[in-house]
All heavy atoms as atom14 arrays in JSON, in Angstrom:
{
  "sequence": "HHLNQFARINDAYTLAGLTPPTYVEELKRT",
  "atom14_mask": [
    [1, 1, 1, 1, 1, 1, 1, 1, 1, 1, 0, 0, 0, 0],
    [1, 1, 1, 1, 1, 1, 1, 1, 1, 1, 0, 0, 0, 0],
    [1, 1, 1, 1, 1, 1, 1, 1, 0, 0, 0, 0, 0, 0],
    [1, 1, 1, 1, 1, 1, 1, 1, 0, 0, 0, 0, 0, 0],
    [1, 1, 1, 1, 1, 1, 1, 1, 1, 0, 0, 0, 0, 0],
    [1, 1, 1, 1, 1, 1, 1, 1, 1, 1, 1, 0, 0, 0],
    [1, 1, 1, 1, 1, 0, 0, 0, 0, 0, 0, 0, 0, 0],
    [1, 1, 1, 1, 1, 1, 1, 1, 1, 1, 1, 0, 0, 0],
    [1, 1, 1, 1, 1, 1, 1, 1, 0, 0, 0, 0, 0, 0],
    [1, 1, 1, 1, 1, 1, 1, 1, 0, 0, 0, 0, 0, 0],
    [1, 1, 1, 1, 1, 1, 1, 1, 0, 0, 0, 0, 0, 0],
    [1, 1, 1, 1, 1, 0, 0, 0, 0, 0, 0, 0, 0, 0],
    [1, 1, 1, 1, 1, 1, 1, 1, 1, 1, 1, 1, 0, 0],
    [1, 1, 1, 1, 1, 1, 1, 0, 0, 0, 0, 0, 0, 0],
    [1, 1, 1, 1, 1, 1, 1, 1, 0, 0, 0, 0, 0, 0],
    [1, 1, 1, 1, 1, 0, 0, 0, 0, 0, 0, 0, 0, 0],
    [1, 1, 1, 1, 0, 0, 0, 0, 0, 0, 0, 0, 0, 0],
    [1, 1, 1, 1, 1, 1, 1, 1, 0, 0, 0, 0, 0, 0],
    [1, 1, 1, 1, 1, 1, 1, 0, 0, 0, 0, 0, 0, 0],
    [1, 1, 1, 1, 1, 1, 1, 0, 0, 0, 0, 0, 0, 0],
    [1, 1, 1, 1, 1, 1, 1, 0, 0, 0, 0, 0, 0, 0],
    [1, 1, 1, 1, 1, 1, 1, 0, 0, 0, 0, 0, 0, 0],
    [1, 1, 1, 1, 1, 1, 1, 1, 1, 1, 1, 1, 0, 0],
    [1, 1, 1, 1, 1, 1, 1, 0, 0, 0, 0, 0, 0, 0],
    [1, 1, 1, 1, 1, 1, 1, 1, 1, 0, 0, 0, 0, 0],
    [1, 1, 1, 1, 1, 1, 1, 1, 1, 0, 0, 0, 0, 0],
    [1, 1, 1, 1, 1, 1, 1, 1, 0, 0, 0, 0, 0, 0],
    [1, 1, 1, 1, 1, 1, 1, 1, 1, 0, 0, 0, 0, 0],
    [1, 1, 1, 1, 1, 1, 1, 1, 1, 1, 1, 0, 0, 0],
    [1, 1, 1, 1, 1, 1, 1, 0, 0, 0, 0, 0, 0, 0]
  ],
  "atom14_positions": [
    [[-3.9, -10.97, 7.11], [-3.19, -12.17, 6.68], [-2.4, -11.83, 5.43], [-2.42, -10.67, 4.96], [-4.16, -13.33, 6.44], [-5.37, -12.95, 5.63], [-5.31, -12.74, 4.27], [-6.65, -12.69, 6.01], [-6.51, -12.41, 3.82], [-7.35, -12.36, 4.85], [0.0, 0.0, 0.0], [0.0, 0.0, 0.0], [0.0, 0.0, 0.0], [0.0, 0.0, 0.0]],
    [[-1.71, -12.83, 4.87], [-0.78, -12.53, 3.78], [-1.48, -12.02, 2.53], [-0.85, -11.36, 1.69], [0.08, -13.76, 3.46], [-0.63, -14.81, 2.66], [-1.53, -15.69, 3.23], [-0.58, -15.11, 1.34], [-1.99, -16.5, 2.29], [-1.44, -16.17, 1.14], [0.0, 0.0, 0.0], [0.0, 0.0, 0.0], [0.0, 0.0, 0.0], [0.0, 0.0, 0.0]],
    [[-2.77, -12.29, 2.38], [-3.47, -11.84, 1.18], [-3.9, -10.38, 1.26], [-4.12, -9.75, 0.21], [-4.71, -12.72, 0.94], [-4.44, -14.19, 0.6], [-5.76, -14.94, 0.44], [-3.6, -14.31, -0.66], [0.0, 0.0, 0.0], [0.0, 0.0, 0.0], [0.0, 0.0, 0.0], [0.0, 0.0, 0.0], [0.0, 0.0, 0.0], [0.0, 0.0, 0.0]],
    [[-4.02, -9.83, 2.47], [-4.48, -8.45, 2.58], [-3.54, -7.56, 3.4], [-3.89, -6.42, 3.71], [-5.88, -8.41, 3.18], [-5.93, -8.84, 4.63], [-4.91, -9.03, 5.28], [-7.13, -9.02, 5.17], [0.0, 0.0, 0.0], [0.0, 0.0, 0.0], [0.0, 0.0, 0.0], [0.0, 0.0, 0.0], [0.0, 0.0, 0.0], [0.0, 0.0, 0.0]],
    [[-2.36, -8.08, 3.77], [-1.5, -7.35, 4.7], [-1.06, -5.99, 4.14], [-0.95, -5.01, 4.89], [-0.28, -8.18, 5.07], [0.57, -8.64, 3.9], [1.66, -9.61, 4.33], [2.04, -9.65, 5.49], [2.18, -10.4, 3.41], [0.0, 0.0, 0.0], [0.0, 0.0, 0.0], [0.0, 0.0, 0.0], [0.0, 0.0, 0.0], [0.0, 0.0, 0.0]],
    [[-0.86, -5.9, 2.84], [-0.43, -4.63, 2.28], [-1.59, -3.63, 2.21], [-1.39, -2.43, 2.37], [0.2, -4.85, 0.9], [1.43, -5.71, 0.97], [1.41, -7.02, 0.51], [2.61, -5.23, 1.53], [2.54, -7.82, 0.59], [3.73, -6.03, 1.62], [3.7, -7.32, 1.15], [0.0, 0.0, 0.0], [0.0, 0.0, 0.0], [0.0, 0.0, 0.0]],
    [[-2.79, -4.14, 2.0], [-3.97, -3.27, 2.04], [-4.16, -2.72, 3.45], [-4.54, -1.54, 3.61], [-5.21, -4.05, 1.61], [0.0, 0.0, 0.0], [0.0, 0.0, 0.0], [0.0, 0.0, 0.0], [0.0, 0.0, 0.0], [0.0, 0.0, 0.0], [0.0, 0.0, 0.0], [0.0, 0.0, 0.0], [0.0, 0.0, 0.0], [0.0, 0.0, 0.0]],
    [[-3.9, -3.52, 4.47], [-4.03, -3.04, 5.86], [-3.0, -1.94, 6.14], [-3.3, -0.95, 6.82], [-3.83, -4.2, 6.83], [-4.88, -5.28, 6.73], [-6.2, -4.84, 7.33], [-7.16, -5.93, 7.34], [-8.3, -5.94, 6.64], [-8.61, -4.89, 5.89], [-9.12, -6.96, 6.71], [0.0, 0.0, 0.0], [0.0, 0.0, 0.0], [0.0, 0.0, 0.0]],
    [[-1.78, -2.13, 5.64], [-0.76, -1.1, 5.82], [-1.18, 0.19, 5.11], [-1.06, 1.29, 5.66], [0.61, -1.6, 5.29], [1.12, -2.75, 6.18], [1.62, -0.46, 5.25], [2.37, -3.43, 5.64], [0.0, 0.0, 0.0], [0.0, 0.0, 0.0], [0.0, 0.0, 0.0], [0.0, 0.0, 0.0], [0.0, 0.0, 0.0], [0.0, 0.0, 0.0]],
    [[-1.7, 0.05, 3.89], [-2.16, 1.22, 3.15], [-3.28, 1.94, 3.88], [-3.34, 3.18, 3.89], [-2.63, 0.8, 1.75], [-1.49, 0.44, 0.83], [-0.32, 0.56, 1.21], [-1.8, 0.01, -0.37], [0.0, 0.0, 0.0], [0.0, 0.0, 0.0], [0.0, 0.0, 0.0], [0.0, 0.0, 0.0], [0.0, 0.0, 0.0], [0.0, 0.0, 0.0]],
    [[-4.21, 1.18, 4.48], [-5.31, 1.78, 5.22], [-4.78, 2.65, 6.37], [-5.31, 3.74, 6.63], [-6.23, 0.7, 5.79], [-7.04, -0.01, 4.73], [-7.15, 0.52, 3.61], [-7.56, -1.11, 5.02], [0.0, 0.0, 0.0], [0.0, 0.0, 0.0], [0.0, 0.0, 0.0], [0.0, 0.0, 0.0], [0.0, 0.0, 0.0], [0.0, 0.0, 0.0]],
    [[-3.75, 2.16, 7.04], [-3.18, 2.91, 8.16], [-2.53, 4.2, 7.68], [-2.68, 5.27, 8.3], [-2.18, 2.04, 8.91], [0.0, 0.0, 0.0], [0.0, 0.0, 0.0], [0.0, 0.0, 0.0], [0.0, 0.0, 0.0], [0.0, 0.0, 0.0], [0.0, 0.0, 0.0], [0.0, 0.0, 0.0], [0.0, 0.0, 0.0], [0.0, 0.0, 0.0]],
    [[-1.78, 4.12, 6.59], [-1.16, 5.33, 6.03], [-2.22, 6.35, 5.63], [-2.1, 7.55, 5.91], [-0.31, 4.98, 4.81], [1.11, 4.59, 5.12], [1.49, 3.26, 5.22], [2.11, 5.56, 5.29], [2.81, 2.89, 5.48], [3.42, 5.2, 5.55], [3.77, 3.86, 5.65], [5.07, 3.51, 5.91], [0.0, 0.0, 0.0], [0.0, 0.0, 0.0]],
    [[-3.25, 5.86, 4.96], [-4.32, 6.76, 4.51], [-5.01, 7.42, 5.68], [-5.31, 8.62, 5.66], [-5.34, 5.98, 3.66], [-4.67, 5.4, 2.54], [-6.45, 6.88, 3.17], [0.0, 0.0, 0.0], [0.0, 0.0, 0.0], [0.0, 0.0, 0.0], [0.0, 0.0, 0.0], [0.0, 0.0, 0.0], [0.0, 0.0, 0.0], [0.0, 0.0, 0.0]],
    [[-5.26, 6.65, 6.74], [-5.9, 7.2, 7.94], [-5.06, 8.3, 8.56], [-5.59, 9.3, 9.07], [-6.12, 6.07, 8.96], [-6.84, 6.45, 10.26], [-8.24, 6.97, 9.98], [-6.9, 5.24, 11.2], [0.0, 0.0, 0.0], [0.0, 0.0, 0.0], [0.0, 0.0, 0.0], [0.0, 0.0, 0.0], [0.0, 0.0, 0.0], [0.0, 0.0, 0.0]],
    [[-3.74, 8.15, 8.51], [-2.84, 9.14, 9.08], [-2.6, 10.33, 8.15], [-1.89, 11.27, 8.51], [-1.49, 8.49, 9.43], [0.0, 0.0, 0.0], [0.0, 0.0, 0.0], [0.0, 0.0, 0.0], [0.0, 0.0, 0.0], [0.0, 0.0, 0.0], [0.0, 0.0, 0.0], [0.0, 0.0, 0.0], [0.0, 0.0, 0.0], [0.0, 0.0, 0.0]],
    [[-3.17, 10.27, 6.95], [-2.97, 11.35, 6.0], [-1.63, 11.3, 5.3], [-1.15, 12.32, 4.78], [0.0, 0.0, 0.0], [0.0, 0.0, 0.0], [0.0, 0.0, 0.0], [0.0, 0.0, 0.0], [0.0, 0.0, 0.0], [0.0, 0.0, 0.0], [0.0, 0.0, 0.0], [0.0, 0.0, 0.0], [0.0, 0.0, 0.0], [0.0, 0.0, 0.0]],
    [[-1.01, 10.11, 5.26], [0.29, 9.94, 4.63], [0.16, 9.13, 3.34], [-0.81, 8.4, 3.15], [1.25, 9.23, 5.58], [1.51, 9.92, 6.93], [2.42, 9.04, 7.79], [2.12, 11.29, 6.72], [0.0, 0.0, 0.0], [0.0, 0.0, 0.0], [0.0, 0.0, 0.0], [0.0, 0.0, 0.0], [0.0, 0.0, 0.0], [0.0, 0.0, 0.0]],
    [[1.14, 9.25, 2.47], [1.14, 8.51, 1.22], [1.61, 7.08, 1.45], [2.7, 6.87, 1.98], [2.07, 9.17, 0.19], [1.65, 10.53, -0.02], [2.03, 8.42, -1.14], [0.0, 0.0, 0.0], [0.0, 0.0, 0.0], [0.0, 0.0, 0.0], [0.0, 0.0, 0.0], [0.0, 0.0, 0.0], [0.0, 0.0, 0.0], [0.0, 0.0, 0.0]],
    [[0.81, 6.09, 1.08], [1.21, 4.68, 1.29], [2.39, 4.3, 0.4], [2.67, 4.97, -0.6], [-0.04, 3.9, 0.9], [-1.15, 4.89, 0.87], [-0.54, 6.19, 0.5], [0.0, 0.0, 0.0], [0.0, 0.0, 0.0], [0.0, 0.0, 0.0], [0.0, 0.0, 0.0], [0.0, 0.0, 0.0], [0.0, 0.0, 0.0], [0.0, 0.0, 0.0]],
    [[3.08, 3.23, 0.75], [4.14, 2.71, -0.13], [3.56, 2.33, -1.49], [2.37, 2.03, -1.61], [4.65, 1.47, 0.62], [4.2, 1.66, 2.03], [2.93, 2.43, 1.97], [0.0, 0.0, 0.0], [0.0, 0.0, 0.0], [0.0, 0.0, 0.0], [0.0, 0.0, 0.0], [0.0, 0.0, 0.0], [0.0, 0.0, 0.0], [0.0, 0.0, 0.0]],
    [[4.41, 2.31, -2.51], [3.94, 2.0, -3.86], [4.04, 0.53, -4.2], [3.38, 0.05, -5.13], [4.75, 2.78, -4.91], [6.13, 2.41, -4.8], [4.61, 4.28, -4.69], [0.0, 0.0, 0.0], [0.0, 0.0, 0.0], [0.0, 0.0, 0.0], [0.0, 0.0, 0.0], [0.0, 0.0, 0.0], [0.0, 0.0, 0.0], [0.0, 0.0, 0.0]],
    [[4.88, -0.23, -3.47], [5.04, -1.67, -3.72], [5.34, -1.96, -5.21], [4.7, -2.81, -5.82], [3.79, -2.44, -3.29], [3.3, -2.14, -1.91], [2.08, -1.53, -1.71], [4.08, -2.44, -0.79], [1.63, -1.24, -0.43], [3.64, -2.15, 0.49], [2.42, -1.54, 0.67], [1.97, -1.25, 1.93], [0.0, 0.0, 0.0], [0.0, 0.0, 0.0]],
    [[6.26, -1.23, -5.79], [6.71, -1.36, -7.18], [5.55, -1.33, -8.18], [5.6, -1.99, -9.23], [7.57, -2.64, -7.39], [8.8, -2.62, -6.55], [6.78, -3.93, -7.12], [0.0, 0.0, 0.0], [0.0, 0.0, 0.0], [0.0, 0.0, 0.0], [0.0, 0.0, 0.0], [0.0, 0.0, 0.0], [0.0, 0.0, 0.0], [0.0, 0.0, 0.0]],
    [[4.51, -0.57, -7.87], [3.35, -0.51, -8.77], [3.72, 0.04, -10.14], [3.21, -0.42, -11.17], [2.23, 0.32, -8.14], [1.55, -0.33, -6.97], [0.9, -1.66, -7.33], [0.39, -1.78, -8.46], [0.92, -2.58, -6.49], [0.0, 0.0, 0.0], [0.0, 0.0, 0.0], [0.0, 0.0, 0.0], [0.0, 0.0, 0.0], [0.0, 0.0, 0.0]],
    [[4.6, 1.04, -10.19], [4.98, 1.62, -11.48], [5.69, 0.59, -12.34], [5.43, 0.47, -13.55], [5.87, 2.84, -11.26], [6.22, 3.57, -12.56], [7.01, 4.84, -12.32], [7.11, 5.28, -11.15], [7.52, 5.4, -13.31], [0.0, 0.0, 0.0], [0.0, 0.0, 0.0], [0.0, 0.0, 0.0], [0.0, 0.0, 0.0], [0.0, 0.0, 0.0]],
    [[6.58, -0.18, -11.72], [7.27, -1.22, -12.47], [6.3, -2.29, -12.92], [6.4, -2.81, -14.05], [8.37, -1.84, -11.61], [9.16, -3.0, -12.24], [9.83, -2.55, -13.53], [10.18, -3.55, -11.25], [0.0, 0.0, 0.0], [0.0, 0.0, 0.0], [0.0, 0.0, 0.0], [0.0, 0.0, 0.0], [0.0, 0.0, 0.0], [0.0, 0.0, 0.0]],
    [[5.34, -2.64, -12.07], [4.32, -3.62, -12.46], [3.6, -3.16, -13.72], [3.37, -3.95, -14.64], [3.31, -3.8, -11.33], [3.76, -4.62, -10.15], [2.61, -4.73, -9.17], [2.98, -5.49, -7.92], [1.84, -5.57, -6.96], [0.0, 0.0, 0.0], [0.0, 0.0, 0.0], [0.0, 0.0, 0.0], [0.0, 0.0, 0.0], [0.0, 0.0, 0.0]],
    [[3.21, -1.89, -13.75], [2.49, -1.37, -14.91], [3.37, -1.4, -16.16], [2.9, -1.73, -17.26], [1.99, 0.04, -14.62], [0.82, 0.12, -13.66], [0.22, 1.5, -13.63], [1.15, 2.47, -13.06], [1.22, 2.75, -11.75], [0.43, 2.12, -10.89], [2.07, 3.65, -11.29], [0.0, 0.0, 0.0], [0.0, 0.0, 0.0], [0.0, 0.0, 0.0]],
    [[4.64, -1.02, -15.99], [5.55, -1.02, -17.15], [5.69, -2.42, -17.74], [5.62, -2.61, -18.96], [6.94, -0.51, -16.71], [6.81, 0.83, -16.24], [7.91, -0.54, -17.88], [0.0, 0.0, 0.0], [0.0, 0.0, 0.0], [0.0, 0.0, 0.0], [0.0, 0.0, 0.0], [0.0, 0.0, 0.0], [0.0, 0.0, 0.0], [0.0, 0.0, 0.0]]
  ]
}
């Protein structure tokens, strides 16, 4: 659902051995 949809996408990337999207995390931290 909308509260966990990005975590689900990240789980799939991780399972495939790929780097998940960052979702502007660096900008968030800045």
